[in-house]
Amino acid sequence: MAARILANIIVMGSGVVARAFVQAYRQAIANASKNGVAQEAVQGIKRASKTMTEAEAKQILGVGENASWEEILQRYDNLFERNSKNGSFYLQSKVHRAKECLEATYKPKMEEAS
């Protein structure tokens, strides 16, 4: 008899704890969406996973550390055209992203020189 009562108490207690956990989780999600924390976290993860470093961009384009902007554009045009004819779209997009990354780095330098 005591074992049956103990089992009922355990089952009822675990049900209460499970319902409380689900309710707390729902409330946490609601609070995060009100504050915009969830969207900011997701956007931060997306940005971090898609960013390309300057060194990676230079490696993709095959230019050296001290390459001029004209040299970068020449390599970009060459690789982009080569991949558009008989290459892959993936490589072509990598070349384009590398140029965009370096453009963000070189544009401020070019504007300062002007």
N, C-alpha and C. Protein backbone atom coordinates (compact mmCIF):
# COMPACT_ATOMS: atom_id res chain seq x y z
N MET A 1 0.81 -1.19 0.00
CA MET A 1 0.00 0.00 0.00
C MET A 1 0.86 1.26 0.00
N ALA A 2 1.91 1.26 0.78
CA ALA A 2 2.79 2.42 0.85
C ALA A 2 3.53 2.62 -0.47
N ALA A 3 3.88 1.52 -1.12
CA ALA A 3 4.57 1.61 -2.41
C ALA A 3 3.67 2.25 -3.46
N ARG A 4 2.39 1.91 -3.42
CA ARG A 4 1.43 2.46 -4.38
C ARG A 4 1.28 3.98 -4.16
N ILE A 5 1.19 4.40 -2.92
CA ILE A 5 1.06 5.83 -2.60
C ILE A 5 2.32 6.58 -3.03
N LEU A 6 3.48 5.99 -2.75
CA LEU A 6 4.74 6.60 -3.14
C LEU A 6 4.85 6.72 -4.66
N ALA A 7 4.44 5.69 -5.39
CA ALA A 7 4.47 5.72 -6.85
C ALA A 7 3.54 6.81 -7.39
N ASN A 8 2.34 6.93 -6.81
CA ASN A 8 1.41 7.98 -7.24
C ASN A 8 1.98 9.38 -6.98
N ILE A 9 2.62 9.56 -5.85
CA ILE A 9 3.23 10.86 -5.53
C ILE A 9 4.34 11.19 -6.53
N ILE A 10 5.16 10.22 -6.87
CA ILE A 10 6.25 10.42 -7.83
C ILE A 10 5.69 10.77 -9.21
N VAL A 11 4.68 10.05 -9.65
CA VAL A 11 4.09 10.31 -10.97
C VAL A 11 3.46 11.69 -11.01
N MET A 12 2.70 12.04 -9.98
CA MET A 12 2.05 13.36 -9.94
C MET A 12 3.09 14.47 -9.85
N GLY A 13 4.12 14.27 -9.06
CA GLY A 13 5.18 15.28 -8.91
C GLY A 13 5.93 15.51 -10.20
N SER A 14 6.23 14.42 -10.91
CA SER A 14 6.95 14.58 -12.18
C SER A 14 6.08 15.27 -13.22
N GLY A 15 4.79 15.03 -13.19
CA GLY A 15 3.88 15.73 -14.11
C GLY A 15 3.84 17.22 -13.83
N VAL A 16 3.81 17.58 -12.56
CA VAL A 16 3.81 19.00 -12.18
C VAL A 16 5.12 19.66 -12.61
N VAL A 17 6.23 19.00 -12.37
CA VAL A 17 7.54 19.55 -12.75
C VAL A 17 7.64 19.70 -14.26
N ALA A 18 7.16 18.72 -15.01
CA ALA A 18 7.21 18.79 -16.47
C ALA A 18 6.37 19.96 -16.98
N ARG A 19 5.15 20.13 -16.44
CA ARG A 19 4.30 21.24 -16.87
C ARG A 19 4.94 22.59 -16.52
N ALA A 20 5.56 22.67 -15.36
CA ALA A 20 6.22 23.92 -14.96
C ALA A 20 7.39 24.23 -15.89
N PHE A 21 8.14 23.20 -16.27
CA PHE A 21 9.27 23.40 -17.18
C PHE A 21 8.79 23.90 -18.54
N VAL A 22 7.76 23.30 -19.08
CA VAL A 22 7.21 23.72 -20.37
C VAL A 22 6.71 25.16 -20.31
N GLN A 23 6.02 25.50 -19.23
CA GLN A 23 5.51 26.86 -19.07
C GLN A 23 6.67 27.86 -18.94
N ALA A 24 7.71 27.52 -18.21
CA ALA A 24 8.86 28.41 -18.07
C ALA A 24 9.58 28.59 -19.41
N TYR A 25 9.67 27.53 -20.20
CA TYR A 25 10.31 27.60 -21.51
C TYR A 25 9.52 28.51 -22.44
N ARG A 26 8.20 28.37 -22.45
CA ARG A 26 7.36 29.23 -23.28
C ARG A 26 7.49 30.69 -22.86
N GLN A 27 7.56 30.94 -21.57
CA GLN A 27 7.70 32.31 -21.09
C GLN A 27 9.06 32.88 -21.48
N ALA A 28 10.09 32.08 -21.42
CA ALA A 28 11.43 32.54 -21.81
C ALA A 28 11.46 32.90 -23.29
N ILE A 29 10.83 32.10 -24.12
CA ILE A 29 10.77 32.40 -25.56
C ILE A 29 9.98 33.68 -25.79
N ALA A 30 8.87 33.85 -25.09
CA ALA A 30 8.07 35.07 -25.25
C ALA A 30 8.87 36.30 -24.83
N ASN A 31 9.59 36.21 -23.73
CA ASN A 31 10.40 37.34 -23.27
C ASN A 31 11.53 37.66 -24.25
N ALA A 32 12.15 36.64 -24.79
CA ALA A 32 13.24 36.86 -25.73
C ALA A 32 12.73 37.50 -27.01
N SER A 33 11.57 37.09 -27.48
CA SER A 33 11.05 37.68 -28.72
C SER A 33 10.58 39.11 -28.50
N LYS A 34 10.12 39.43 -27.29
CA LYS A 34 9.73 40.81 -27.00
C LYS A 34 10.94 41.74 -27.00
N ASN A 35 12.03 41.26 -26.48
CA ASN A 35 13.24 42.08 -26.40
C ASN A 35 14.04 42.08 -27.69
N GLY A 36 13.74 41.22 -28.59
CA GLY A 36 14.50 41.13 -29.83
C GLY A 36 15.81 40.38 -29.65
N VAL A 37 16.01 39.76 -28.52
CA VAL A 37 17.24 39.04 -28.25
C VAL A 37 17.39 37.85 -29.19
N ALA A 38 16.30 37.15 -29.42
CA ALA A 38 16.35 35.96 -30.27
C ALA A 38 16.75 36.33 -31.70
N GLN A 39 16.13 37.40 -32.23
CA GLN A 39 16.46 37.79 -33.61
C GLN A 39 17.90 38.26 -33.72
N GLU A 40 18.37 39.02 -32.72
CA GLU A 40 19.76 39.49 -32.74
C GLU A 40 20.73 38.33 -32.68
N ALA A 41 20.43 37.34 -31.88
CA ALA A 41 21.31 36.18 -31.77
C ALA A 41 21.38 35.42 -33.09
N VAL A 42 20.23 35.22 -33.71
CA VAL A 42 20.20 34.50 -34.99
C VAL A 42 20.95 35.29 -36.06
N GLN A 43 20.74 36.59 -36.12
CA GLN A 43 21.44 37.41 -37.11
C GLN A 43 22.94 37.43 -36.86
N GLY A 44 23.33 37.46 -35.59
CA GLY A 44 24.75 37.41 -35.26
C GLY A 44 25.40 36.12 -35.70
N ILE A 45 24.69 35.03 -35.53
CA ILE A 45 25.21 33.73 -35.95
C ILE A 45 25.33 33.69 -37.47
N LYS A 46 24.32 34.20 -38.17
CA LYS A 46 24.38 34.21 -39.64
C LYS A 46 25.54 35.05 -40.13
N ARG A 47 25.72 36.24 -39.54
CA ARG A 47 26.81 37.12 -39.96
C ARG A 47 28.16 36.48 -39.70
N ALA A 48 28.32 35.88 -38.55
CA ALA A 48 29.60 35.28 -38.19
C ALA A 48 29.94 34.11 -39.09
N SER A 49 28.97 33.35 -39.49
CA SER A 49 29.25 32.18 -40.31
C SER A 49 29.51 32.53 -41.76
N LYS A 50 29.10 33.69 -42.21
CA LYS A 50 29.24 34.05 -43.61
C LYS A 50 30.35 35.05 -43.88
N THR A 51 30.98 35.57 -42.86
CA THR A 51 32.02 36.57 -43.09
C THR A 51 33.29 35.90 -43.58
N MET A 52 33.98 36.59 -44.46
CA MET A 52 35.22 36.10 -45.02
C MET A 52 36.34 37.02 -44.56
N THR A 53 37.44 36.46 -44.14
CA THR A 53 38.56 37.27 -43.70
C THR A 53 39.32 37.82 -44.91
N GLU A 54 40.08 38.85 -44.67
CA GLU A 54 40.86 39.45 -45.75
C GLU A 54 41.90 38.47 -46.27
N ALA A 55 42.52 37.71 -45.37
CA ALA A 55 43.52 36.73 -45.79
C ALA A 55 42.90 35.64 -46.66
N GLU A 56 41.70 35.19 -46.29
CA GLU A 56 41.00 34.17 -47.08
C GLU A 56 40.64 34.72 -48.46
N ALA A 57 40.19 35.97 -48.50
CA ALA A 57 39.82 36.58 -49.77
C ALA A 57 41.04 36.69 -50.69
N LYS A 58 42.17 37.09 -50.14
CA LYS A 58 43.39 37.21 -50.95
C LYS A 58 43.85 35.84 -51.43
N GLN A 59 43.67 34.82 -50.60
CA GLN A 59 44.05 33.48 -51.00
C GLN A 59 43.15 32.98 -52.13
N ILE A 60 41.87 33.26 -52.06
CA ILE A 60 40.95 32.83 -53.11
C ILE A 60 41.30 33.49 -54.44
N LEU A 61 41.60 34.78 -54.39
CA LEU A 61 41.94 35.50 -55.62
C LEU A 61 43.38 35.26 -56.07
N GLY A 62 44.19 34.71 -55.19
CA GLY A 62 45.57 34.41 -55.54
C GLY A 62 46.44 35.64 -55.64
N VAL A 63 46.23 36.59 -54.76
CA VAL A 63 47.06 37.81 -54.75
C VAL A 63 47.88 37.84 -53.47
N GLY A 64 48.96 38.60 -53.49
CA GLY A 64 49.83 38.70 -52.33
C GLY A 64 49.33 39.70 -51.31
N GLU A 65 50.06 39.80 -50.21
CA GLU A 65 49.68 40.70 -49.12
C GLU A 65 49.65 42.16 -49.56
N ASN A 66 50.60 42.56 -50.38
CA ASN A 66 50.72 43.97 -50.78
C ASN A 66 50.15 44.23 -52.17
N ALA A 67 49.12 43.51 -52.53
CA ALA A 67 48.54 43.65 -53.87
C ALA A 67 47.79 44.98 -53.98
N SER A 68 47.88 45.57 -55.16
CA SER A 68 47.15 46.82 -55.41
C SER A 68 45.71 46.48 -55.79
N TRP A 69 44.86 47.49 -55.72
CA TRP A 69 43.45 47.30 -56.07
C TRP A 69 43.31 46.91 -57.53
N GLU A 70 44.13 47.46 -58.40
CA GLU A 70 44.08 47.13 -59.83
C GLU A 70 44.42 45.67 -60.06
N GLU A 71 45.42 45.18 -59.33
CA GLU A 71 45.80 43.77 -59.44
C GLU A 71 44.67 42.86 -58.97
N ILE A 72 44.02 43.26 -57.89
CA ILE A 72 42.88 42.48 -57.36
C ILE A 72 41.76 42.44 -58.39
N LEU A 73 41.44 43.58 -58.99
CA LEU A 73 40.38 43.62 -60.00
C LEU A 73 40.72 42.78 -61.22
N GLN A 74 41.99 42.81 -61.61
CA GLN A 74 42.42 42.02 -62.77
C GLN A 74 42.27 40.53 -62.48
N ARG A 75 42.68 40.07 -61.29
CA ARG A 75 42.54 38.66 -60.91
C ARG A 75 41.06 38.28 -60.80
N TYR A 76 40.26 39.20 -60.24
CA TYR A 76 38.83 38.94 -60.10
C TYR A 76 38.20 38.74 -61.47
N ASP A 77 38.46 39.67 -62.39
CA ASP A 77 37.87 39.56 -63.73
C ASP A 77 38.29 38.26 -64.41
N ASN A 78 39.55 37.91 -64.30
CA ASN A 78 40.06 36.70 -64.91
C ASN A 78 39.38 35.45 -64.33
N LEU A 79 39.36 35.34 -63.01
CA LEU A 79 38.76 34.15 -62.37
C LEU A 79 37.25 34.10 -62.56
N PHE A 80 36.60 35.25 -62.51
CA PHE A 80 35.15 35.27 -62.67
C PHE A 80 34.76 34.82 -64.08
N GLU A 81 35.45 35.32 -65.08
CA GLU A 81 35.16 34.93 -66.46
C GLU A 81 35.47 33.45 -66.70
N ARG A 82 36.58 33.00 -66.16
CA ARG A 82 36.98 31.60 -66.34
C ARG A 82 35.94 30.66 -65.73
N ASN A 83 35.39 31.01 -64.57
CA ASN A 83 34.39 30.15 -63.93
C ASN A 83 33.01 30.31 -64.55
N SER A 84 32.75 31.41 -65.22
CA SER A 84 31.44 31.57 -65.85
C SER A 84 31.33 30.71 -67.11
N LYS A 85 32.43 30.47 -67.78
CA LYS A 85 32.40 29.70 -69.03
C LYS A 85 32.35 28.20 -68.77
N ASN A 86 33.29 27.69 -68.00
CA ASN A 86 33.33 26.24 -67.80
C ASN A 86 33.68 25.86 -66.37
N GLY A 87 33.40 26.72 -65.42
CA GLY A 87 33.68 26.43 -64.02
C GLY A 87 32.40 26.18 -63.25
N SER A 88 32.49 26.32 -61.97
CA SER A 88 31.30 26.08 -61.15
C SER A 88 30.76 27.40 -60.60
N PHE A 89 29.47 27.41 -60.37
CA PHE A 89 28.83 28.59 -59.80
C PHE A 89 29.34 28.84 -58.39
N TYR A 90 29.63 27.78 -57.64
CA TYR A 90 30.14 27.91 -56.29
C TYR A 90 31.47 28.67 -56.29
N LEU A 91 32.39 28.28 -57.15
CA LEU A 91 33.68 28.97 -57.22
C LEU A 91 33.51 30.41 -57.69
N GLN A 92 32.61 30.61 -58.63
CA GLN A 92 32.35 31.96 -59.12
C GLN A 92 31.82 32.84 -57.98
N SER A 93 30.94 32.31 -57.16
CA SER A 93 30.41 33.10 -56.05
C SER A 93 31.47 33.34 -54.98
N LYS A 94 32.36 32.38 -54.77
CA LYS A 94 33.47 32.58 -53.82
C LYS A 94 34.38 33.71 -54.30
N VAL A 95 34.66 33.74 -55.59
CA VAL A 95 35.49 34.80 -56.16
C VAL A 95 34.81 36.15 -55.98
N HIS A 96 33.52 36.19 -56.21
CA HIS A 96 32.77 37.44 -56.06
C HIS A 96 32.76 37.89 -54.60
N ARG A 97 32.54 36.98 -53.66
CA ARG A 97 32.55 37.33 -52.23
C ARG A 97 33.94 37.81 -51.79
N ALA A 98 34.98 37.20 -52.36
CA ALA A 98 36.34 37.63 -52.02
C ALA A 98 36.57 39.07 -52.48
N LYS A 99 36.09 39.40 -53.67
CA LYS A 99 36.22 40.77 -54.17
C LYS A 99 35.44 41.73 -53.29
N GLU A 100 34.24 41.36 -52.89
CA GLU A 100 33.44 42.22 -52.01
C GLU A 100 34.14 42.46 -50.68
N CYS A 101 34.74 41.42 -50.13
CA CYS A 101 35.44 41.55 -48.86
C CYS A 101 36.62 42.51 -48.99
N LEU A 102 37.40 42.34 -50.04
CA LEU A 102 38.56 43.21 -50.23
C LEU A 102 38.14 44.63 -50.61
N GLU A 103 37.02 44.74 -51.28
CA GLU A 103 36.50 46.06 -51.64
C GLU A 103 36.17 46.86 -50.38
N ALA A 104 35.62 46.19 -49.39
CA ALA A 104 35.32 46.86 -48.12
C ALA A 104 36.59 47.32 -47.43
N THR A 105 37.69 46.60 -47.63
CA THR A 105 38.96 46.96 -47.02
C THR A 105 39.66 48.07 -47.80
N TYR A 106 39.64 47.97 -49.12
CA TYR A 106 40.39 48.90 -49.96
C TYR A 106 39.67 50.21 -50.21
N LYS A 107 38.34 50.24 -50.17
CA LYS A 107 37.60 51.48 -50.46
C LYS A 107 37.97 52.62 -49.52
N PRO A 108 38.01 52.39 -48.20
CA PRO A 108 38.41 53.51 -47.34
C PRO A 108 39.82 54.02 -47.65
N LYS A 109 40.72 53.11 -48.01
CA LYS A 109 42.08 53.51 -48.35
C LYS A 109 42.09 54.34 -49.63
N MET A 110 41.26 53.95 -50.61
CA MET A 110 41.22 54.69 -51.87
C MET A 110 40.58 56.07 -51.64
N GLU A 111 39.59 56.15 -50.78
CA GLU A 111 38.95 57.44 -50.51
C GLU A 111 39.87 58.38 -49.77
N GLU A 112 40.73 57.86 -48.90
CA GLU A 112 41.70 58.68 -48.19
C GLU A 112 42.72 59.26 -49.15
N ALA A 113 43.11 58.47 -50.17
CA ALA A 113 44.11 58.92 -51.12
C ALA A 113 43.57 59.99 -52.05
N SER A 114 42.25 60.01 -52.25
CA SER A 114 41.66 60.98 -53.17
C SER A 114 41.57 62.35 -52.59
